[in-house]
Protein backbone atom coordinates (compact mmCIF):
# COMPACT_ATOMS: atom_id res chain seq x y z
CA MET A 1 -51.62 -20.55 -23.05
CA TRP A 2 -50.48 -17.53 -21.10
CA ILE A 3 -47.08 -16.69 -19.61
CA CYS A 4 -47.03 -14.42 -16.58
CA ARG A 5 -43.72 -12.80 -15.70
CA ASP A 6 -42.97 -12.12 -12.05
CA HIS A 7 -43.66 -8.41 -12.47
CA GLU A 8 -47.24 -9.03 -13.62
CA PRO A 9 -50.09 -9.71 -11.19
CA ILE A 10 -50.94 -13.42 -11.34
CA ASP A 11 -54.54 -12.52 -10.42
CA ASP A 12 -54.97 -11.34 -14.01
CA PHE A 13 -54.59 -14.97 -15.11
CA ILE A 14 -56.09 -17.25 -12.43
CA SER A 15 -59.00 -17.36 -10.02
CA PRO A 16 -58.34 -18.39 -6.40
CA GLY A 17 -59.08 -22.07 -5.81
CA GLU A 18 -59.57 -22.74 -9.53
CA SER A 19 -56.19 -24.15 -10.59
CA VAL A 20 -53.71 -26.97 -10.06
CA LEU A 21 -50.12 -25.85 -9.46
CA VAL A 22 -47.03 -27.73 -10.64
CA PRO A 23 -44.01 -25.98 -9.07
CA THR A 24 -40.67 -26.40 -10.89
CA MET A 25 -37.21 -24.92 -11.28
CA GLY A 26 -37.52 -25.08 -15.06
CA ALA A 27 -35.36 -27.19 -17.38
CA LEU A 28 -38.32 -29.56 -17.57
CA HIS A 29 -37.90 -33.27 -18.19
CA LYS A 30 -40.32 -36.14 -18.78
CA GLY A 31 -41.20 -36.47 -15.09
CA HIS A 32 -42.22 -32.81 -14.93
CA LEU A 33 -44.22 -33.10 -18.12
CA ASP A 34 -46.07 -36.19 -16.88
CA LEU A 35 -47.08 -34.18 -13.79
CA VAL A 36 -48.21 -31.27 -15.96
CA GLN A 37 -50.35 -33.57 -18.10
CA GLN A 38 -51.90 -35.24 -15.04
CA ALA A 39 -52.56 -31.85 -13.42
CA ALA A 40 -54.20 -30.53 -16.60
CA GLU A 41 -56.41 -33.62 -16.80
CA HIS A 42 -57.31 -33.27 -13.11
CA ALA A 43 -58.24 -29.61 -13.57
CA GLU A 44 -60.42 -30.42 -16.55
CA ARG A 45 -62.07 -33.38 -14.84
CA HIS A 46 -62.93 -31.25 -11.80
CA GLY A 47 -63.98 -28.15 -13.72
CA LEU A 48 -61.22 -25.90 -12.40
CA ARG A 49 -61.53 -22.83 -14.61
CA SER A 50 -57.91 -21.70 -14.38
CA GLY A 51 -56.55 -25.15 -15.30
CA CYS A 52 -52.99 -26.30 -14.73
CA VAL A 53 -50.45 -23.61 -13.84
CA VAL A 54 -46.73 -24.37 -13.98
CA SER A 55 -44.43 -22.16 -11.92
CA VAL A 56 -40.77 -21.76 -12.82
CA PHE A 57 -38.62 -20.38 -10.02
CA VAL A 58 -34.90 -20.95 -9.63
CA ASN A 59 -34.12 -20.31 -5.97
CA PRO A 60 -30.56 -19.05 -5.52
CA THR A 61 -30.46 -20.26 -1.90
CA GLN A 62 -30.60 -23.88 -3.12
CA PHE A 63 -27.12 -23.62 -4.61
CA ASP A 64 -23.93 -23.84 -2.54
CA GLU A 65 -21.85 -22.17 -5.21
CA PRO A 66 -23.00 -18.94 -6.89
CA THR A 67 -21.52 -20.20 -10.17
CA ASP A 68 -23.85 -23.24 -10.04
CA TYR A 69 -26.81 -20.86 -9.83
CA GLU A 70 -25.48 -18.78 -12.71
CA ARG A 71 -24.97 -21.90 -14.88
CA TYR A 72 -28.37 -23.46 -14.13
CA ALA A 73 -30.30 -23.97 -17.38
CA ARG A 74 -32.93 -21.32 -18.05
CA VAL A 75 -34.93 -22.30 -21.11
CA LEU A 76 -38.31 -20.69 -20.47
CA ASP A 77 -39.43 -20.61 -24.11
CA ASP A 78 -38.76 -24.34 -24.50
CA ASP A 79 -40.36 -25.14 -21.14
CA ALA A 80 -43.46 -23.10 -22.01
CA ALA A 81 -43.84 -24.84 -25.37
CA ARG A 82 -43.59 -28.24 -23.70
CA CYS A 83 -46.12 -27.21 -21.04
CA ARG A 84 -48.52 -26.08 -23.76
CA GLU A 85 -48.19 -29.49 -25.45
CA CYS A 86 -49.09 -31.18 -22.14
CA GLY A 87 -52.22 -29.09 -21.64
CA ALA A 88 -51.07 -26.41 -19.20
CA ALA A 89 -53.18 -23.27 -19.08
CA GLY A 90 -50.24 -21.08 -18.20
CA VAL A 91 -46.72 -20.62 -16.89
CA TYR A 92 -45.76 -18.27 -14.07
CA ALA A 93 -42.06 -17.38 -14.23
């Protein structure tokens, strides 16, 4: 499984129209992981070469208080490992 950081071109990892996206803010829980597994199965069933891609983006404008944004859990290594276990092809963070 690959991990693409925001400074890398995502085109190096996926082909247009050949993936299923699961957008998240990270700190993944069972609901997220169920979606990742279903997306990976869908991609495989439909022959999508780039598979399931999970995005992790914490949007600062979603927080009223800057301190809430600063305290929001950022556990990319753990999230990526859990995505791998659920069949994701990659994580874009």
